Amino acid sequence: MEDRGTRPYVRGMKFHGIFAAAVAVSAIAAAQAGAGASPPRPVVVELYTSQGCNSCPPADALLAQLASRKDVLALTLPVTYWDMLGWKDTYGTESNTHRQESYANVMGRGGVYTPQMIIDGVDDVVGSRQAKVMWAIETREADMTNVPVDVSETPDYLRVVIGASPKIRTDATIWMFHILSHGTADIGAGENQGRKLTYRNIVRDVRTLGPWKGDSVSIAMPRHEFPGPYDDVAVVLQQGGYGRVIGAAELKRSASGR
């Protein structure tokens, strides 16, 4: 199939396209600096991609670059709806597909597409368009809410602590992502047949840990509740369920060799 930069996929809806809203970055940054903002958290970048999409490898490569940045929490979320083209994505999950479709519903979009990057739950950008992706990250860094989030572990438990924030009274959702830090796939059919694709920070499991309403929350989970291959763990605090990110942290187990 012809590579046109993005691949729209619609389940019973008309695709209308995706556009990022413009924001006055310098004015917001100046206001935050004057207000003594807390230390910044990483900007959360979610890439929705598929091994069955020949437009996706450049976006996968860009996500890999972002994964090396300390100011970015870069996540690869392989989806399943391009499996119909003759190749079943070896990392694709229905939970990743559901998450992308939920964003489309909340943002009022007409459908989903690959490669798509969601930046901090606010902006959505074609994942291979580097200049627009970088602009969106800089925009979110200048317009950032930062509720304290901490993730730690013992041999038996994963522990998540969300700090209190009396000035932010909102219904938010605590999300936990289990991440495979590196992965490769030899593609045997479909649009990318014969290619060897490399991925960073592949989301293997995503689930909600509960609500957050502005008060401190502490959650301890037995490690055996999270089967399957993963290295790192990330926690994202998000307005509503799929709105603006207001807190994020990552536990990089892969870096420590555990």
C-alpha atoms as a PDB file:
ATOM      1  CA  MET A   1       0.000   0.000   0.000  1.00  0.00           C
ATOM      2  CA  GLU A   2       1.073   3.570  -0.570  1.00  0.00           C
ATOM      3  CA  ASP A   3       2.805   5.223   2.371  1.00  0.00           C
ATOM      4  CA  ARG A   4       1.078   8.548   2.974  1.00  0.00           C
ATOM      5  CA  GLY A   5       2.611   9.419   6.342  1.00  0.00           C
ATOM      6  CA  THR A   6      -0.339   8.335   8.495  1.00  0.00           C
ATOM      7  CA  ARG A   7      -2.705   5.421   8.377  1.00  0.00           C
ATOM      8  CA  PRO A   8      -6.280   6.250   9.450  1.00  0.00           C
ATOM      9  CA  TYR A   9      -8.362   3.420  10.823  1.00  0.00           C
ATOM     10  CA  VAL A  10     -12.017   3.943  11.695  1.00  0.00           C
ATOM     11  CA  ARG A  11     -14.427   1.686  13.541  1.00  0.00           C
ATOM     12  CA  GLY A  12     -17.849   2.892  12.395  1.00  0.00           C
ATOM     13  CA  MET A  13     -16.799   6.569  12.282  1.00  0.00           C
ATOM     14  CA  LYS A  14     -15.684   9.026   9.643  1.00  0.00           C
ATOM     15  CA  PHE A  15     -12.024  10.077   9.930  1.00  0.00           C
ATOM     16  CA  HIS A  16     -11.598  13.850  10.080  1.00  0.00           C
ATOM     17  CA  GLY A  17      -7.873  14.273  10.840  1.00  0.00           C
ATOM     18  CA  ILE A  18      -5.967  15.286  13.941  1.00  0.00           C
ATOM     19  CA  PHE A  19      -4.726  18.739  14.807  1.00  0.00           C
ATOM     20  CA  ALA A  20      -2.736  20.083  17.791  1.00  0.00           C
ATOM     21  CA  ALA A  21      -3.887  23.293  19.426  1.00  0.00           C
ATOM     22  CA  ALA A  22      -1.523  26.265  19.427  1.00  0.00           C
ATOM     23  CA  VAL A  23      -0.335  27.582  22.802  1.00  0.00           C
ATOM     24  CA  ALA A  24       1.624  30.694  23.760  1.00  0.00           C
ATOM     25  CA  VAL A  25       4.672  28.878  25.131  1.00  0.00           C
ATOM     26  CA  SER A  26       6.887  31.783  26.185  1.00  0.00           C
ATOM     27  CA  ALA A  27       4.162  33.553  28.145  1.00  0.00           C
ATOM     28  CA  ILE A  28       3.270  30.405  30.096  1.00  0.00           C
ATOM     29  CA  ALA A  29       6.906  29.624  30.855  1.00  0.00           C
ATOM     30  CA  ALA A  30       7.478  33.131  32.189  1.00  0.00           C
ATOM     31  CA  ALA A  31       4.416  32.905  34.405  1.00  0.00           C
ATOM     32  CA  GLN A  32       5.526  29.577  35.855  1.00  0.00           C
ATOM     33  CA  ALA A  33       9.030  30.835  36.528  1.00  0.00           C
ATOM     34  CA  GLY A  34       7.632  33.792  38.436  1.00  0.00           C
ATOM     35  CA  ALA A  35       5.365  31.549  40.472  1.00  0.00           C
ATOM     36  CA  GLY A  36       8.193  29.283  41.660  1.00  0.00           C
ATOM     37  CA  ALA A  37       6.925  26.105  40.040  1.00  0.00           C
ATOM     38  CA  SER A  38       7.964  22.732  41.488  1.00  0.00           C
ATOM     39  CA  PRO A  39      10.711  20.738  39.738  1.00  0.00           C
ATOM     40  CA  PRO A  40       9.418  19.463  36.405  1.00  0.00           C
ATOM     41  CA  ARG A  41       8.301  15.894  35.854  1.00  0.00           C
ATOM     42  CA  PRO A  42       8.816  14.102  32.531  1.00  0.00           C
ATOM     43  CA  VAL A  43       6.455  14.855  29.669  1.00  0.00           C
ATOM     44  CA  VAL A  44       4.527  11.685  28.818  1.00  0.00           C
ATOM     45  CA  VAL A  45       4.723  10.707  25.132  1.00  0.00           C
ATOM     46  CA  GLU A  46       2.592   7.763  23.980  1.00  0.00           C
ATOM     47  CA  LEU A  47       3.227   6.348  20.493  1.00  0.00           C
ATOM     48  CA  TYR A  48       0.460   4.242  18.966  1.00  0.00           C
ATOM     49  CA  THR A  49       2.101   2.072  16.325  1.00  0.00           C
ATOM     50  CA  SER A  50       1.794  -1.238  14.481  1.00  0.00           C
ATOM     51  CA  GLN A  51       4.096  -3.724  12.783  1.00  0.00           C
ATOM     52  CA  GLY A  52       1.486  -3.887  10.010  1.00  0.00           C
ATOM     53  CA  CYS A  53       1.845  -0.188   9.138  1.00  0.00           C
ATOM     54  CA  ASN A  54       4.603   0.855   6.751  1.00  0.00           C
ATOM     55  CA  SER A  55       4.320   4.469   7.954  1.00  0.00           C
ATOM     56  CA  CYS A  56       5.296   3.516  11.502  1.00  0.00           C
ATOM     57  CA  PRO A  57       9.051   2.657  11.503  1.00  0.00           C
ATOM     58  CA  PRO A  58      10.161   6.338  11.329  1.00  0.00           C
ATOM     59  CA  ALA A  59       7.942   7.111  14.325  1.00  0.00           C
ATOM     60  CA  ASP A  60       9.316   4.070  16.176  1.00  0.00           C
ATOM     61  CA  ALA A  61      12.831   5.431  15.577  1.00  0.00           C
ATOM     62  CA  LEU A  62      11.829   8.876  16.870  1.00  0.00           C
ATOM     63  CA  LEU A  63      10.287   7.350  19.990  1.00  0.00           C
ATOM     64  CA  ALA A  64      13.572   5.507  20.590  1.00  0.00           C
ATOM     65  CA  GLN A  65      15.404   8.849  20.502  1.00  0.00           C
ATOM     66  CA  LEU A  66      12.938  10.351  22.978  1.00  0.00           C
ATOM     67  CA  ALA A  67      13.393   7.373  25.310  1.00  0.00           C
ATOM     68  CA  SER A  68      16.959   8.527  26.008  1.00  0.00           C
ATOM     69  CA  ARG A  69      15.786  11.936  27.286  1.00  0.00           C
ATOM     70  CA  LYS A  70      15.373  12.429  31.036  1.00  0.00           C
ATOM     71  CA  ASP A  71      12.644  15.017  30.537  1.00  0.00           C
ATOM     72  CA  VAL A  72      10.439  12.600  28.563  1.00  0.00           C
ATOM     73  CA  LEU A  73       8.614   9.425  29.584  1.00  0.00           C
ATOM     74  CA  ALA A  74       8.402   7.747  26.162  1.00  0.00           C
ATOM     75  CA  LEU A  75       6.000   4.805  25.758  1.00  0.00           C
ATOM     76  CA  THR A  76       5.379   2.553  22.747  1.00  0.00           C
ATOM     77  CA  LEU A  77       1.826   1.162  22.601  1.00  0.00           C
ATOM     78  CA  PRO A  78       1.429  -1.336  19.719  1.00  0.00           C
ATOM     79  CA  VAL A  79      -2.194  -1.692  18.583  1.00  0.00           C
ATOM     80  CA  THR A  80      -4.051  -4.574  16.968  1.00  0.00           C
ATOM     81  CA  TYR A  81      -6.341  -3.193  14.257  1.00  0.00           C
ATOM     82  CA  TRP A  82      -3.768  -3.530  11.445  1.00  0.00           C
ATOM     83  CA  ASP A  83      -3.434  -7.260  12.138  1.00  0.00           C
ATOM     84  CA  MET A  84      -6.053  -7.727   9.399  1.00  0.00           C
ATOM     85  CA  LEU A  85      -3.416  -6.853   6.757  1.00  0.00           C
ATOM     86  CA  GLY A  86      -1.776 -10.255   7.085  1.00  0.00           C
ATOM     87  CA  TRP A  87       0.647  -9.870  10.002  1.00  0.00           C
ATOM     88  CA  LYS A  88      -0.290 -10.126  13.685  1.00  0.00           C
ATOM     89  CA  ASP A  89       1.672  -7.564  15.688  1.00  0.00           C
ATOM     90  CA  THR A  90       3.840  -9.533  18.105  1.00  0.00           C
ATOM     91  CA  TYR A  91       3.540  -6.833  20.796  1.00  0.00           C
ATOM     92  CA  GLY A  92       0.044  -5.523  20.038  1.00  0.00           C
ATOM     93  CA  THR A  93      -2.595  -5.700  22.785  1.00  0.00           C
ATOM     94  CA  GLU A  94      -6.289  -4.912  22.909  1.00  0.00           C
ATOM     95  CA  SER A  95      -5.692  -2.760  25.991  1.00  0.00           C
ATOM     96  CA  ASN A  96      -3.401  -0.496  23.942  1.00  0.00           C
ATOM     97  CA  THR A  97      -6.021  -0.315  21.177  1.00  0.00           C
ATOM     98  CA  HIS A  98      -8.732   0.510  23.705  1.00  0.00           C
ATOM     99  CA  ARG A  99      -6.617   3.260  25.213  1.00  0.00           C
ATOM    100  CA  GLN A 100      -6.087   4.929  21.833  1.00  0.00           C
ATOM    101  CA  GLU A 101      -9.783   4.685  20.957  1.00  0.00           C
ATOM    102  CA  SER A 102     -10.657   6.192  24.345  1.00  0.00           C
ATOM    103  CA  TYR A 103      -8.424   9.182  23.583  1.00  0.00           C
ATOM    104  CA  ALA A 104     -10.213   9.631  20.239  1.00  0.00           C
ATOM    105  CA  ASN A 105     -13.578   9.684  22.000  1.00  0.00           C
ATOM    106  CA  VAL A 106     -12.470  12.150  24.687  1.00  0.00           C
ATOM    107  CA  MET A 107     -10.781  14.454  22.157  1.00  0.00           C
ATOM    108  CA  GLY A 108     -13.798  14.353  19.865  1.00  0.00           C
ATOM    109  CA  ARG A 109     -11.861  12.866  16.955  1.00  0.00           C
ATOM    110  CA  GLY A 110     -13.463  10.900  14.161  1.00  0.00           C
ATOM    111  CA  GLY A 111     -11.194   7.864  14.469  1.00  0.00           C
ATOM    112  CA  VAL A 112      -7.717   6.558  15.240  1.00  0.00           C
ATOM    113  CA  TYR A 113      -4.597   6.227  13.121  1.00  0.00           C
ATOM    114  CA  THR A 114      -0.981   5.131  13.171  1.00  0.00           C
ATOM    115  CA  PRO A 115       1.574   6.406  13.883  1.00  0.00           C
ATOM    116  CA  GLN A 116       0.025   8.734  16.458  1.00  0.00           C
ATOM    117  CA  MET A 117       1.747  10.370  19.421  1.00  0.00           C
ATOM    118  CA  ILE A 118      -0.298  11.659  22.350  1.00  0.00           C
ATOM    119  CA  ILE A 119       1.721  14.271  24.246  1.00  0.00           C
ATOM    120  CA  ASP A 120       0.878  14.577  27.965  1.00  0.00           C
ATOM    121  CA  GLY A 121      -2.729  13.590  27.252  1.00  0.00           C
ATOM    122  CA  VAL A 122      -3.367  16.936  25.533  1.00  0.00           C
ATOM    123  CA  ASP A 123      -1.790  17.185  22.065  1.00  0.00           C
ATOM    124  CA  ASP A 124      -1.896  14.555  19.342  1.00  0.00           C
ATOM    125  CA  VAL A 125       0.686  14.628  16.563  1.00  0.00           C
ATOM    126  CA  VAL A 126       1.629  12.414  13.622  1.00  0.00           C
ATOM    127  CA  GLY A 127       4.380  10.368  15.223  1.00  0.00           C
ATOM    128  CA  SER A 128       6.878  10.638  12.366  1.00  0.00           C
ATOM    129  CA  ARG A 129       6.798  14.443  12.130  1.00  0.00           C
ATOM    130  CA  GLN A 130       9.757  15.264  14.346  1.00  0.00           C
ATOM    131  CA  ALA A 131       9.470  19.063  14.338  1.00  0.00           C
ATOM    132  CA  LYS A 132       5.826  18.965  15.447  1.00  0.00           C
ATOM    133  CA  VAL A 133       6.560  16.336  18.073  1.00  0.00           C
ATOM    134  CA  MET A 134       9.388  18.424  19.559  1.00  0.00           C
ATOM    135  CA  TRP A 135       7.218  21.527  19.503  1.00  0.00           C
ATOM    136  CA  ALA A 136       4.444  19.689  21.337  1.00  0.00           C
ATOM    137  CA  ILE A 137       6.889  18.454  24.014  1.00  0.00           C
ATOM    138  CA  GLU A 138       8.246  21.978  24.545  1.00  0.00           C
ATOM    139  CA  THR A 139       4.680  23.286  24.779  1.00  0.00           C
ATOM    140  CA  ARG A 140       3.770  20.792  27.479  1.00  0.00           C
ATOM    141  CA  GLU A 141       6.980  21.527  29.420  1.00  0.00           C
ATOM    142  CA  ALA A 142       5.951  25.168  29.525  1.00  0.00           C
ATOM    143  CA  ASP A 143       2.379  24.375  30.608  1.00  0.00           C
ATOM    144  CA  MET A 144       2.864  21.637  33.164  1.00  0.00           C
ATOM    145  CA  THR A 145       1.012  20.543  36.275  1.00  0.00           C
ATOM    146  CA  ASN A 146       3.144  18.435  38.597  1.00  0.00           C
ATOM    147  CA  VAL A 147       1.545  16.390  41.354  1.00  0.00           C
ATOM    148  CA  PRO A 148       4.277  14.402  43.174  1.00  0.00           C
ATOM    149  CA  VAL A 149       4.381  10.737  42.125  1.00  0.00           C
ATOM    150  CA  ASP A 150       6.800   8.138  43.480  1.00  0.00           C
ATOM    151  CA  VAL A 151       7.275   4.506  42.441  1.00  0.00           C
ATOM    152  CA  SER A 152       9.470   2.105  44.424  1.00  0.00           C
ATOM    153  CA  GLU A 153       9.811  -1.633  44.975  1.00  0.00           C
ATOM    154  CA  THR A 154      10.795  -4.356  47.391  1.00  0.00           C
ATOM    155  CA  PRO A 155      11.357  -8.020  46.498  1.00  0.00           C
ATOM    156  CA  ASP A 156       7.644  -8.634  47.091  1.00  0.00           C
ATOM    157  CA  TYR A 157       5.838  -5.365  46.428  1.00  0.00           C
ATOM    158  CA  LEU A 158       5.525  -2.426  44.087  1.00  0.00           C
ATOM    159  CA  ARG A 159       4.624   0.743  45.951  1.00  0.00           C
ATOM    160  CA  VAL A 160       3.054   3.882  44.475  1.00  0.00           C
ATOM    161  CA  VAL A 161       2.669   7.122  46.417  1.00  0.00           C
ATOM    162  CA  ILE A 162       0.711  10.092  45.043  1.00  0.00           C
ATOM    163  CA  GLY A 163       1.237  13.310  46.980  1.00  0.00           C
ATOM    164  CA  ALA A 164      -1.459  15.677  48.162  1.00  0.00           C
ATOM    165  CA  SER A 165      -2.152  18.806  46.165  1.00  0.00           C
ATOM    166  CA  PRO A 166      -4.762  21.028  47.853  1.00  0.00           C
ATOM    167  CA  LYS A 167      -4.708  23.499  44.939  1.00  0.00           C
ATOM    168  CA  ILE A 168      -5.689  20.783  42.451  1.00  0.00           C
ATOM    169  CA  ARG A 169      -9.124  19.421  43.260  1.00  0.00           C
ATOM    170  CA  THR A 170     -10.034  17.208  40.352  1.00  0.00           C
ATOM    171  CA  ASP A 171     -11.102  13.679  39.586  1.00  0.00           C
ATOM    172  CA  ALA A 172      -8.046  11.909  38.212  1.00  0.00           C
ATOM    173  CA  THR A 173      -7.049   8.333  37.426  1.00  0.00           C
ATOM    174  CA  ILE A 174      -3.857   6.583  38.511  1.00  0.00           C
ATOM    175  CA  TRP A 175      -2.488   4.466  35.654  1.00  0.00           C
ATOM    176  CA  MET A 176       0.276   1.883  35.917  1.00  0.00           C
ATOM    177  CA  PHE A 177       2.265   0.732  32.859  1.00  0.00           C
ATOM    178  CA  HIS A 178       4.513  -2.313  32.776  1.00  0.00           C
ATOM    179  CA  ILE A 179       7.184  -1.781  30.153  1.00  0.00           C
ATOM    180  CA  LEU A 180       9.582  -3.957  28.184  1.00  0.00           C
ATOM    181  CA  SER A 181      12.554  -1.622  27.758  1.00  0.00           C
ATOM    182  CA  HIS A 182      13.810  -3.121  24.455  1.00  0.00           C
ATOM    183  CA  GLY A 183      12.284  -5.377  21.840  1.00  0.00           C
ATOM    184  CA  THR A 184      12.746  -6.502  18.242  1.00  0.00           C
ATOM    185  CA  ALA A 185      10.535  -8.215  15.698  1.00  0.00           C
ATOM    186  CA  ASP A 186      11.298  -9.965  12.407  1.00  0.00           C
ATOM    187  CA  ILE A 187       8.304  -9.219  10.205  1.00  0.00           C
ATOM    188  CA  GLY A 188       7.241 -12.170   8.071  1.00  0.00           C
ATOM    189  CA  ALA A 189       4.268 -10.729   6.184  1.00  0.00           C
ATOM    190  CA  GLY A 190       2.277  -7.577   5.559  1.00  0.00           C
ATOM    191  CA  GLU A 191       3.493  -4.117   4.607  1.00  0.00           C
ATOM    192  CA  ASN A 192       6.795  -4.423   6.501  1.00  0.00           C
ATOM    193  CA  GLN A 193       7.605  -7.960   5.338  1.00  0.00           C
ATOM    194  CA  GLY A 194      11.303  -8.757   5.542  1.00  0.00           C
ATOM    195  CA  ARG A 195      12.137  -5.922   7.935  1.00  0.00           C
ATOM    196  CA  LYS A 196      13.603  -6.242  11.413  1.00  0.00           C
ATOM    197  CA  LEU A 197      11.967  -3.625  13.627  1.00  0.00           C
ATOM    198  CA  THR A 198      13.365  -2.360  16.927  1.00  0.00           C
ATOM    199  CA  TYR A 199      11.328  -0.834  19.746  1.00  0.00           C
ATOM    200  CA  ARG A 200      11.904   0.983  23.026  1.00  0.00           C
ATOM    201  CA  ASN A 201       9.676   1.034  26.101  1.00  0.00           C
ATOM    202  CA  ILE A 202       6.956  -1.321  24.873  1.00  0.00           C
ATOM    203  CA  VAL A 203       3.828  -1.236  27.042  1.00  0.00           C
ATOM    204  CA  ARG A 204       2.975  -4.851  27.889  1.00  0.00           C
ATOM    205  CA  ASP A 205       0.300  -4.112  30.476  1.00  0.00           C
ATOM    206  CA  VAL A 206      -1.676  -1.016  31.444  1.00  0.00           C
ATOM    207  CA  ARG A 207      -4.229  -0.855  34.224  1.00  0.00           C
ATOM    208  CA  THR A 208      -5.883   1.582  36.590  1.00  0.00           C
ATOM    209  CA  LEU A 209      -4.884   1.641  40.247  1.00  0.00           C
ATOM    210  CA  GLY A 210      -7.818   3.777  41.329  1.00  0.00           C
ATOM    211  CA  PRO A 211      -8.934   7.411  41.579  1.00  0.00           C
ATOM    212  CA  TRP A 212      -7.137  10.453  42.948  1.00  0.00           C
ATOM    213  CA  LYS A 213      -9.078  13.468  44.239  1.00  0.00           C
ATOM    214  CA  GLY A 214      -6.322  15.695  45.601  1.00  0.00           C
ATOM    215  CA  ASP A 215      -5.353  13.857  48.790  1.00  0.00           C
ATOM    216  CA  SER A 216      -2.269  11.707  49.370  1.00  0.00           C
ATOM    217  CA  VAL A 217      -2.643   8.102  48.218  1.00  0.00           C
ATOM    218  CA  SER A 218      -0.362   5.138  48.953  1.00  0.00           C
ATOM    219  CA  ILE A 219      -0.797   1.788  47.179  1.00  0.00           C
ATOM    220  CA  ALA A 220       1.206  -1.422  47.690  1.00  0.00           C
ATOM    221  CA  MET A 221       0.754  -4.277  45.195  1.00  0.00           C
ATOM    222  CA  PRO A 222       2.159  -7.805  45.361  1.00  0.00           C
ATOM    223  CA  ARG A 223       4.654  -8.352  42.565  1.00  0.00           C
ATOM    224  CA  HIS A 224       3.073 -11.685  41.584  1.00  0.00           C
ATOM    225  CA  GLU A 225      -0.006  -9.820  40.336  1.00  0.00           C
ATOM    226  CA  PHE A 226       1.973  -8.632  37.303  1.00  0.00           C
ATOM    227  CA  PRO A 227       3.028 -11.663  35.241  1.00  0.00           C
ATOM    228  CA  GLY A 228       4.700 -11.469  31.872  1.00  0.00           C
ATOM    229  CA  PRO A 229       7.951  -9.991  30.611  1.00  0.00           C
ATOM    230  CA  TYR A 230       8.648  -6.430  31.651  1.00  0.00           C
ATOM    231  CA  ASP A 231      11.568  -4.363  32.907  1.00  0.00           C
ATOM    232  CA  ASP A 232      10.374  -0.916  33.933  1.00  0.00           C
ATOM    233  CA  VAL A 233       7.292   0.489  35.605  1.00  0.00           C
ATOM    234  CA  ALA A 234       5.671   3.871  35.018  1.00  0.00           C
ATOM    235  CA  VAL A 235       2.816   5.580  36.841  1.00  0.00           C
ATOM    236  CA  VAL A 236       0.824   8.371  35.222  1.00  0.00           C
ATOM    237  CA  LEU A 237      -1.779  10.542  36.940  1.00  0.00           C
ATOM    238  CA  GLN A 238      -4.322  11.805  34.445  1.00  0.00           C
ATOM    239  CA  GLN A 239      -7.355  14.079  34.727  1.00  0.00           C
ATOM    240  CA  GLY A 240     -10.550  12.120  34.260  1.00  0.00           C
ATOM    241  CA  GLY A 241      -9.360   8.954  32.597  1.00  0.00           C
ATOM    242  CA  TYR A 242      -7.804  10.176  29.349  1.00  0.00           C
ATOM    243  CA  GLY A 243      -7.246  13.885  29.930  1.00  0.00           C
ATOM    244  CA  ARG A 244      -4.325  16.116  30.834  1.00  0.00           C
ATOM    245  CA  VAL A 245      -1.413  14.410  32.581  1.00  0.00           C
ATOM    246  CA  ILE A 246      -0.829  16.020  35.979  1.00  0.00           C
ATOM    247  CA  GLY A 247       1.799  13.667  37.420  1.00  0.00           C
ATOM    248  CA  ALA A 248       4.215  10.976  36.224  1.00  0.00           C
ATOM    249  CA  ALA A 249       7.168   8.908  37.389  1.00  0.00           C
ATOM    250  CA  GLU A 250       9.130   5.878  36.198  1.00  0.00           C
ATOM    251  CA  LEU A 251      10.956   3.080  37.992  1.00  0.00           C
ATOM    252  CA  LYS A 252      13.752   2.037  35.629  1.00  0.00           C
ATOM    253  CA  ARG A 253      14.464  -1.500  36.737  1.00  0.00           C
ATOM    254  CA  SER A 254      16.293  -2.261  33.476  1.00  0.00           C
ATOM    255  CA  ALA A 255      18.996   0.291  34.284  1.00  0.00           C
ATOM    256  CA  SER A 256      19.806  -1.488  37.544  1.00  0.00           C
ATOM    257  CA  GLY A 257      19.893  -4.949  35.956  1.00  0.00           C
ATOM    258  CA  ARG A 258      17.067  -6.314  38.085  1.00  0.00           C
END
